[in-house]
Amino acid sequence: MANHKSAEKRIRANEIKRVRNRYQHKTTRTFIKKLRTSTVKTEAVALLKEVSSMIDKLAKKNVIHWKKAANQKSKLTKFVNKLA
């Protein structure tokens, strides 16, 4: 258990950040699945823009690695470009 006031505050802050990161990460994964199941190109292009932004935000906050973010965006872009 924490012995200092600042350590107790850090524990509280870390828990809040952990919950927020989990929520944002899970939401992004849900949107990625939604994008992968879409078949209409116009809908997919709009979703891609939103998902790319979400992935960038996760990478910026180090929730996911920046290279993983780049790989995901690349694969999703290829998927959307293949749609007819």
PDB file of N, CA and C in Angstrom:
ATOM      1  N   MET A   1       0.845  -1.188   0.000  1.00  0.00           N
ATOM      2  CA  MET A   1       0.000   0.000   0.000  1.00  0.00           C
ATOM      3  C   MET A   1       0.887   1.246   0.000  1.00  0.00           C
ATOM      4  N   ALA A   2       0.352   2.319  -0.539  1.00  0.00           N
ATOM      5  CA  ALA A   2       1.111   3.566  -0.658  1.00  0.00           C
ATOM      6  C   ALA A   2       1.350   4.196   0.710  1.00  0.00           C
ATOM      7  N   ASN A   3       2.535   4.770   0.864  1.00  0.00           N
ATOM      8  CA  ASN A   3       2.901   5.399   2.131  1.00  0.00           C
ATOM      9  C   ASN A   3       2.861   6.915   2.064  1.00  0.00           C
ATOM     10  N   HIS A   4       2.796   7.466   0.871  1.00  0.00           N
ATOM     11  CA  HIS A   4       2.826   8.920   0.710  1.00  0.00           C
ATOM     12  C   HIS A   4       1.556   9.402   0.031  1.00  0.00           C
ATOM     13  N   LYS A   5       1.232  10.637   0.312  1.00  0.00           N
ATOM     14  CA  LYS A   5       0.039  11.237  -0.280  1.00  0.00           C
ATOM     15  C   LYS A   5       0.134  11.256  -1.802  1.00  0.00           C
ATOM     16  N   SER A   6       1.317  11.606  -2.311  1.00  0.00           N
ATOM     17  CA  SER A   6       1.508  11.683  -3.763  1.00  0.00           C
ATOM     18  C   SER A   6       1.382  10.301  -4.411  1.00  0.00           C
ATOM     19  N   ALA A   7       1.824   9.252  -3.693  1.00  0.00           N
ATOM     20  CA  ALA A   7       1.727   7.891  -4.223  1.00  0.00           C
ATOM     21  C   ALA A   7       0.269   7.450  -4.290  1.00  0.00           C
ATOM     22  N   GLU A   8      -0.523   7.844  -3.296  1.00  0.00           N
ATOM     23  CA  GLU A   8      -1.953   7.528  -3.304  1.00  0.00           C
ATOM     24  C   GLU A   8      -2.644   8.227  -4.470  1.00  0.00           C
ATOM     25  N   LYS A   9      -2.260   9.472  -4.704  1.00  0.00           N
ATOM     26  CA  LYS A   9      -2.828  10.229  -5.819  1.00  0.00           C
ATOM     27  C   LYS A   9      -2.444   9.580  -7.149  1.00  0.00           C
ATOM     28  N   ARG A  10      -1.199   9.137  -7.267  1.00  0.00           N
ATOM     29  CA  ARG A  10      -0.718   8.496  -8.494  1.00  0.00           C
ATOM     30  C   ARG A  10      -1.520   7.224  -8.765  1.00  0.00           C
ATOM     31  N   ILE A  11      -1.813   6.450  -7.697  1.00  0.00           N
ATOM     32  CA  ILE A  11      -2.600   5.222  -7.845  1.00  0.00           C
ATOM     33  C   ILE A  11      -3.992   5.552  -8.387  1.00  0.00           C
ATOM     34  N   ARG A  12      -4.602   6.592  -7.845  1.00  0.00           N
ATOM     35  CA  ARG A  12      -5.936   7.007  -8.313  1.00  0.00           C
ATOM     36  C   ARG A  12      -5.883   7.455  -9.768  1.00  0.00           C
ATOM     37  N   ALA A  13      -4.895   8.264 -10.101  1.00  0.00           N
ATOM     38  CA  ALA A  13      -4.774   8.792 -11.467  1.00  0.00           C
ATOM     39  C   ALA A  13      -4.511   7.660 -12.463  1.00  0.00           C
ATOM     40  N   ASN A  14      -3.657   6.714 -12.079  1.00  0.00           N
ATOM     41  CA  ASN A  14      -3.347   5.587 -12.965  1.00  0.00           C
ATOM     42  C   ASN A  14      -4.582   4.737 -13.246  1.00  0.00           C
ATOM     43  N   GLU A  15      -5.408   4.546 -12.241  1.00  0.00           N
ATOM     44  CA  GLU A  15      -6.621   3.752 -12.418  1.00  0.00           C
ATOM     45  C   GLU A  15      -7.579   4.450 -13.379  1.00  0.00           C
ATOM     46  N   ILE A  16      -7.725   5.756 -13.243  1.00  0.00           N
ATOM     47  CA  ILE A  16      -8.594   6.526 -14.142  1.00  0.00           C
ATOM     48  C   ILE A  16      -8.082   6.426 -15.575  1.00  0.00           C
ATOM     49  N   LYS A  17      -6.765   6.589 -15.757  1.00  0.00           N
ATOM     50  CA  LYS A  17      -6.176   6.504 -17.098  1.00  0.00           C
ATOM     51  C   LYS A  17      -6.316   5.104 -17.681  1.00  0.00           C
ATOM     52  N   ARG A  18      -6.151   4.078 -16.834  1.00  0.00           N
ATOM     53  CA  ARG A  18      -6.261   2.689 -17.291  1.00  0.00           C
ATOM     54  C   ARG A  18      -7.665   2.412 -17.832  1.00  0.00           C
ATOM     55  N   VAL A  19      -8.672   2.860 -17.099  1.00  0.00           N
ATOM     56  CA  VAL A  19     -10.051   2.644 -17.516  1.00  0.00           C
ATOM     57  C   VAL A  19     -10.343   3.393 -18.817  1.00  0.00           C
ATOM     58  N   ARG A  20      -9.864   4.629 -18.914  1.00  0.00           N
ATOM     59  CA  ARG A  20     -10.087   5.427 -20.130  1.00  0.00           C
ATOM     60  C   ARG A  20      -9.399   4.782 -21.323  1.00  0.00           C
ATOM     61  N   ASN A  21      -8.157   4.330 -21.150  1.00  0.00           N
ATOM     62  CA  ASN A  21      -7.411   3.684 -22.234  1.00  0.00           C
ATOM     63  C   ASN A  21      -8.106   2.405 -22.694  1.00  0.00           C
ATOM     64  N   ARG A  22      -8.597   1.622 -21.740  1.00  0.00           N
ATOM     65  CA  ARG A  22      -9.292   0.383 -22.079  1.00  0.00           C
ATOM     66  C   ARG A  22     -10.537   0.671 -22.891  1.00  0.00           C
ATOM     67  N   TYR A  23     -11.290   1.677 -22.478  1.00  0.00           N
ATOM     68  CA  TYR A  23     -12.521   2.052 -23.173  1.00  0.00           C
ATOM     69  C   TYR A  23     -12.212   2.491 -24.612  1.00  0.00           C
ATOM     70  N   GLN A  24     -11.228   3.360 -24.763  1.00  0.00           N
ATOM     71  CA  GLN A  24     -10.889   3.876 -26.087  1.00  0.00           C
ATOM     72  C   GLN A  24     -10.349   2.772 -26.991  1.00  0.00           C
ATOM     73  N   HIS A  25      -9.537   1.881 -26.430  1.00  0.00           N
ATOM     74  CA  HIS A  25      -8.964   0.782 -27.203  1.00  0.00           C
ATOM     75  C   HIS A  25     -10.071  -0.166 -27.665  1.00  0.00           C
ATOM     76  N   LYS A  26     -10.981  -0.499 -26.769  1.00  0.00           N
ATOM     77  CA  LYS A  26     -12.080  -1.404 -27.096  1.00  0.00           C
ATOM     78  C   LYS A  26     -12.998  -0.773 -28.146  1.00  0.00           C
ATOM     79  N   THR A  27     -13.282   0.504 -28.014  1.00  0.00           N
ATOM     80  CA  THR A  27     -14.125   1.211 -28.972  1.00  0.00           C
ATOM     81  C   THR A  27     -13.490   1.201 -30.349  1.00  0.00           C
ATOM     82  N   THR A  28     -12.197   1.428 -30.402  1.00  0.00           N
ATOM     83  CA  THR A  28     -11.479   1.421 -31.680  1.00  0.00           C
ATOM     84  C   THR A  28     -11.543   0.043 -32.320  1.00  0.00           C
ATOM     85  N   ARG A  29     -11.346  -1.009 -31.533  1.00  0.00           N
ATOM     86  CA  ARG A  29     -11.418  -2.371 -32.073  1.00  0.00           C
ATOM     87  C   ARG A  29     -12.807  -2.663 -32.632  1.00  0.00           C
ATOM     88  N   THR A  30     -13.845  -2.169 -31.958  1.00  0.00           N
ATOM     89  CA  THR A  30     -15.212  -2.363 -32.434  1.00  0.00           C
ATOM     90  C   THR A  30     -15.408  -1.680 -33.784  1.00  0.00           C
ATOM     91  N   PHE A  31     -14.889  -0.462 -33.926  1.00  0.00           N
ATOM     92  CA  PHE A  31     -15.012   0.271 -35.179  1.00  0.00           C
ATOM     93  C   PHE A  31     -14.234  -0.424 -36.297  1.00  0.00           C
ATOM     94  N   ILE A  32     -13.079  -1.006 -35.963  1.00  0.00           N
ATOM     95  CA  ILE A  32     -12.287  -1.730 -36.962  1.00  0.00           C
ATOM     96  C   ILE A  32     -13.077  -2.938 -37.480  1.00  0.00           C
ATOM     97  N   LYS A  33     -13.733  -3.673 -36.560  1.00  0.00           N
ATOM     98  CA  LYS A  33     -14.554  -4.814 -36.966  1.00  0.00           C
ATOM     99  C   LYS A  33     -15.712  -4.360 -37.845  1.00  0.00           C
ATOM    100  N   LYS A  34     -16.295  -3.216 -37.480  1.00  0.00           N
ATOM    101  CA  LYS A  34     -17.396  -2.661 -38.266  1.00  0.00           C
ATOM    102  C   LYS A  34     -16.923  -2.314 -39.679  1.00  0.00           C
ATOM    103  N   LEU A  35     -15.731  -1.748 -39.780  1.00  0.00           N
ATOM    104  CA  LEU A  35     -15.154  -1.387 -41.077  1.00  0.00           C
ATOM    105  C   LEU A  35     -14.878  -2.642 -41.904  1.00  0.00           C
ATOM    106  N   ARG A  36     -14.335  -3.679 -41.273  1.00  0.00           N
ATOM    107  CA  ARG A  36     -13.996  -4.913 -41.989  1.00  0.00           C
ATOM    108  C   ARG A  36     -15.234  -5.616 -42.546  1.00  0.00           C
ATOM    109  N   THR A  37     -16.380  -5.437 -41.889  1.00  0.00           N
ATOM    110  CA  THR A  37     -17.600  -6.107 -42.353  1.00  0.00           C
ATOM    111  C   THR A  37     -18.377  -5.274 -43.367  1.00  0.00           C
ATOM    112  N   SER A  38     -17.996  -4.020 -43.555  1.00  0.00           N
ATOM    113  CA  SER A  38     -18.730  -3.172 -44.499  1.00  0.00           C
ATOM    114  C   SER A  38     -18.433  -3.593 -45.933  1.00  0.00           C
ATOM    115  N   THR A  39     -19.460  -3.452 -46.791  1.00  0.00           N
ATOM    116  CA  THR A  39     -19.320  -3.847 -48.188  1.00  0.00           C
ATOM    117  C   THR A  39     -19.513  -2.676 -49.139  1.00  0.00           C
ATOM    118  N   VAL A  40     -20.055  -1.582 -48.637  1.00  0.00           N
ATOM    119  CA  VAL A  40     -20.288  -0.400 -49.471  1.00  0.00           C
ATOM    120  C   VAL A  40     -19.065   0.502 -49.380  1.00  0.00           C
ATOM    121  N   LYS A  41     -18.498   0.852 -50.533  1.00  0.00           N
ATOM    122  CA  LYS A  41     -17.236   1.610 -50.553  1.00  0.00           C
ATOM    123  C   LYS A  41     -17.377   2.991 -49.916  1.00  0.00           C
ATOM    124  N   THR A  42     -18.458   3.711 -50.215  1.00  0.00           N
ATOM    125  CA  THR A  42     -18.608   5.074 -49.672  1.00  0.00           C
ATOM    126  C   THR A  42     -18.700   5.048 -48.148  1.00  0.00           C
ATOM    127  N   GLU A  43     -19.416   4.056 -47.639  1.00  0.00           N
ATOM    128  CA  GLU A  43     -19.533   3.900 -46.188  1.00  0.00           C
ATOM    129  C   GLU A  43     -18.171   3.550 -45.582  1.00  0.00           C
ATOM    130  N   ALA A  44     -17.436   2.667 -46.253  1.00  0.00           N
ATOM    131  CA  ALA A  44     -16.133   2.215 -45.769  1.00  0.00           C
ATOM    132  C   ALA A  44     -15.121   3.355 -45.758  1.00  0.00           C
ATOM    133  N   VAL A  45     -15.176   4.224 -46.775  1.00  0.00           N
ATOM    134  CA  VAL A  45     -14.237   5.356 -46.839  1.00  0.00           C
ATOM    135  C   VAL A  45     -14.482   6.305 -45.673  1.00  0.00           C
ATOM    136  N   ALA A  46     -15.751   6.565 -45.377  1.00  0.00           N
ATOM    137  CA  ALA A  46     -16.086   7.441 -44.254  1.00  0.00           C
ATOM    138  C   ALA A  46     -15.635   6.828 -42.929  1.00  0.00           C
ATOM    139  N   LEU A  47     -15.864   5.521 -42.779  1.00  0.00           N
ATOM    140  CA  LEU A  47     -15.447   4.817 -41.562  1.00  0.00           C
ATOM    141  C   LEU A  47     -13.928   4.786 -41.440  1.00  0.00           C
ATOM    142  N   LEU A  48     -13.235   4.624 -42.568  1.00  0.00           N
ATOM    143  CA  LEU A  48     -11.771   4.563 -42.551  1.00  0.00           C
ATOM    144  C   LEU A  48     -11.179   5.849 -41.990  1.00  0.00           C
ATOM    145  N   LYS A  49     -11.745   6.975 -42.393  1.00  0.00           N
ATOM    146  CA  LYS A  49     -11.250   8.260 -41.904  1.00  0.00           C
ATOM    147  C   LYS A  49     -11.389   8.348 -40.387  1.00  0.00           C
ATOM    148  N   GLU A  50     -12.539   7.910 -39.881  1.00  0.00           N
ATOM    149  CA  GLU A  50     -12.795   7.950 -38.443  1.00  0.00           C
ATOM    150  C   GLU A  50     -11.895   6.978 -37.689  1.00  0.00           C
ATOM    151  N   VAL A  51     -11.756   5.770 -38.223  1.00  0.00           N
ATOM    152  CA  VAL A  51     -10.943   4.735 -37.567  1.00  0.00           C
ATOM    153  C   VAL A  51      -9.466   5.134 -37.568  1.00  0.00           C
ATOM    154  N   SER A  52      -8.995   5.711 -38.669  1.00  0.00           N
ATOM    155  CA  SER A  52      -7.596   6.150 -38.740  1.00  0.00           C
ATOM    156  C   SER A  52      -7.296   7.185 -37.662  1.00  0.00           C
ATOM    157  N   SER A  53      -8.231   8.079 -37.466  1.00  0.00           N
ATOM    158  CA  SER A  53      -8.072   9.101 -36.436  1.00  0.00           C
ATOM    159  C   SER A  53      -8.012   8.464 -35.050  1.00  0.00           C
ATOM    160  N   MET A  54      -8.886   7.501 -34.814  1.00  0.00           N
ATOM    161  CA  MET A  54      -8.905   6.819 -33.516  1.00  0.00           C
ATOM    162  C   MET A  54      -7.591   6.071 -33.274  1.00  0.00           C
ATOM    163  N   ILE A  55      -7.091   5.398 -34.300  1.00  0.00           N
ATOM    164  CA  ILE A  55      -5.835   4.648 -34.180  1.00  0.00           C
ATOM    165  C   ILE A  55      -4.679   5.600 -33.898  1.00  0.00           C
ATOM    166  N   ASP A  56      -4.663   6.743 -34.593  1.00  0.00           N
ATOM    167  CA  ASP A  56      -3.608   7.741 -34.369  1.00  0.00           C
ATOM    168  C   ASP A  56      -3.624   8.246 -32.929  1.00  0.00           C
ATOM    169  N   LYS A  57      -4.806   8.459 -32.389  1.00  0.00           N
ATOM    170  CA  LYS A  57      -4.906   8.945 -31.010  1.00  0.00           C
ATOM    171  C   LYS A  57      -4.385   7.911 -30.023  1.00  0.00           C
ATOM    172  N   LEU A  58      -4.686   6.627 -30.276  1.00  0.00           N
ATOM    173  CA  LEU A  58      -4.175   5.570 -29.398  1.00  0.00           C
ATOM    174  C   LEU A  58      -2.655   5.497 -29.453  1.00  0.00           C
ATOM    175  N   ALA A  59      -2.108   5.647 -30.650  1.00  0.00           N
ATOM    176  CA  ALA A  59      -0.649   5.592 -30.802  1.00  0.00           C
ATOM    177  C   ALA A  59       0.006   6.797 -30.143  1.00  0.00           C
ATOM    178  N   LYS A  60      -0.624   7.953 -30.264  1.00  0.00           N
ATOM    179  CA  LYS A  60      -0.071   9.181 -29.683  1.00  0.00           C
ATOM    180  C   LYS A  60       0.032   9.066 -28.163  1.00  0.00           C
ATOM    181  N   LYS A  61      -0.959   8.388 -27.550  1.00  0.00           N
ATOM    182  CA  LYS A  61      -0.975   8.228 -26.098  1.00  0.00           C
ATOM    183  C   LYS A  61      -0.251   6.965 -25.640  1.00  0.00           C
ATOM    184  N   ASN A  62       0.407   6.279 -26.576  1.00  0.00           N
ATOM    185  CA  ASN A  62       1.144   5.041 -26.289  1.00  0.00           C
ATOM    186  C   ASN A  62       0.268   3.931 -25.733  1.00  0.00           C
ATOM    187  N   VAL A  63      -1.012   3.919 -26.108  1.00  0.00           N
ATOM    188  CA  VAL A  63      -1.871   2.806 -25.745  1.00  0.00           C
ATOM    189  C   VAL A  63      -1.512   1.623 -26.639  1.00  0.00           C
ATOM    190  N   ILE A  64      -1.226   1.915 -27.931  1.00  0.00           N
ATOM    191  CA  ILE A  64      -0.694   0.907 -28.834  1.00  0.00           C
ATOM    192  C   ILE A  64       0.602   1.452 -29.420  1.00  0.00           C
ATOM    193  N   HIS A  65       1.448   0.555 -29.902  1.00  0.00           N
ATOM    194  CA  HIS A  65       2.732   0.961 -30.475  1.00  0.00           C
ATOM    195  C   HIS A  65       2.500   1.674 -31.800  1.00  0.00           C
ATOM    196  N   TRP A  66       3.341   2.641 -32.114  1.00  0.00           N
ATOM    197  CA  TRP A  66       3.146   3.436 -33.337  1.00  0.00           C
ATOM    198  C   TRP A  66       3.296   2.598 -34.597  1.00  0.00           C
ATOM    199  N   LYS A  67       4.128   1.544 -34.532  1.00  0.00           N
ATOM    200  CA  LYS A  67       4.275   0.679 -35.708  1.00  0.00           C
ATOM    201  C   LYS A  67       3.037  -0.193 -35.899  1.00  0.00           C
ATOM    202  N   LYS A  68       2.437  -0.619 -34.815  1.00  0.00           N
ATOM    203  CA  LYS A  68       1.202  -1.384 -34.905  1.00  0.00           C
ATOM    204  C   LYS A  68       0.112  -0.508 -35.515  1.00  0.00           C
ATOM    205  N   ALA A  69       0.069   0.744 -35.099  1.00  0.00           N
ATOM    206  CA  ALA A  69      -0.914   1.680 -35.641  1.00  0.00           C
ATOM    207  C   ALA A  69      -0.724   1.850 -37.141  1.00  0.00           C
ATOM    208  N   ALA A  70       0.521   1.993 -37.565  1.00  0.00           N
ATOM    209  CA  ALA A  70       0.815   2.155 -38.984  1.00  0.00           C
ATOM    210  C   ALA A  70       0.402   0.917 -39.773  1.00  0.00           C
ATOM    211  N   ASN A  71       0.678  -0.271 -39.224  1.00  0.00           N
ATOM    212  CA  ASN A  71       0.305  -1.522 -39.893  1.00  0.00           C
ATOM    213  C   ASN A  71      -1.209  -1.656 -40.014  1.00  0.00           C
ATOM    214  N   GLN A  72      -1.921  -1.321 -38.945  1.00  0.00           N
ATOM    215  CA  GLN A  72      -3.381  -1.417 -38.975  1.00  0.00           C
ATOM    216  C   GLN A  72      -3.973  -0.466 -40.008  1.00  0.00           C
ATOM    217  N   LYS A  73      -3.492   0.767 -40.020  1.00  0.00           N
ATOM    218  CA  LYS A  73      -4.000   1.754 -40.972  1.00  0.00           C
ATOM    219  C   LYS A  73      -3.714   1.323 -42.399  1.00  0.00           C
ATOM    220  N   SER A  74      -2.540   0.772 -42.625  1.00  0.00           N
ATOM    221  CA  SER A  74      -2.158   0.320 -43.956  1.00  0.00           C
ATOM    222  C   SER A  74      -3.069  -0.813 -44.430  1.00  0.00           C
ATOM    223  N   LYS A  75      -3.280  -1.806 -43.581  1.00  0.00           N
ATOM    224  CA  LYS A  75      -4.119  -2.946 -43.940  1.00  0.00           C
ATOM    225  C   LYS A  75      -5.564  -2.521 -44.192  1.00  0.00           C
ATOM    226  N   LEU A  76      -6.058  -1.623 -43.352  1.00  0.00           N
ATOM    227  CA  LEU A  76      -7.437  -1.157 -43.525  1.00  0.00           C
ATOM    228  C   LEU A  76      -7.591  -0.351 -44.809  1.00  0.00           C
ATOM    229  N   THR A  77      -6.591   0.452 -45.127  1.00  0.00           N
ATOM    230  CA  THR A  77      -6.631   1.237 -46.364  1.00  0.00           C
ATOM    231  C   THR A  77      -6.633   0.317 -47.577  1.00  0.00           C
ATOM    232  N   LYS A  78      -5.793  -0.721 -47.546  1.00  0.00           N
ATOM    233  CA  LYS A  78      -5.770  -1.700 -48.642  1.00  0.00           C
ATOM    234  C   LYS A  78      -7.128  -2.375 -48.784  1.00  0.00           C
ATOM    235  N   PHE A  79      -7.729  -2.713 -47.658  1.00  0.00           N
ATOM    236  CA  PHE A  79      -9.046  -3.372 -47.666  1.00  0.00           C
ATOM    237  C   PHE A  79     -10.087  -2.472 -48.318  1.00  0.00           C
ATOM    238  N   VAL A  80     -10.102  -1.197 -47.937  1.00  0.00           N
ATOM    239  CA  VAL A  80     -11.090  -0.252 -48.475  1.00  0.00           C
ATOM    240  C   VAL A  80     -10.844  -0.030 -49.968  1.00  0.00           C
ATOM    241  N   ASN A  81      -9.580   0.046 -50.371  1.00  0.00           N
ATOM    242  CA  ASN A  81      -9.273   0.267 -51.793  1.00  0.00           C
ATOM    243  C   ASN A  81      -9.688  -0.919 -52.667  1.00  0.00           C
ATOM    244  N   LYS A  82      -9.716  -2.125 -52.091  1.00  0.00           N
ATOM    245  CA  LYS A  82     -10.111  -3.310 -52.860  1.00  0.00           C
ATOM    246  C   LYS A  82     -11.625  -3.371 -53.082  1.00  0.00           C
ATOM    247  N   LEU A  83     -12.385  -2.694 -52.207  1.00  0.00           N
ATOM    248  CA  LEU A  83     -13.836  -2.721 -52.378  1.00  0.00           C
ATOM    249  C   LEU A  83     -14.252  -2.115 -53.702  1.00  0.00           C
ATOM    250  N   ALA A  84     -15.246  -2.716 -54.317  1.00  0.00           N
ATOM    251  CA  ALA A  84     -15.703  -2.223 -55.623  1.00  0.00           C
ATOM    252  C   ALA A  84     -16.857  -1.249 -55.471  1.00  0.00           C
TER     253      ALA A  84
END
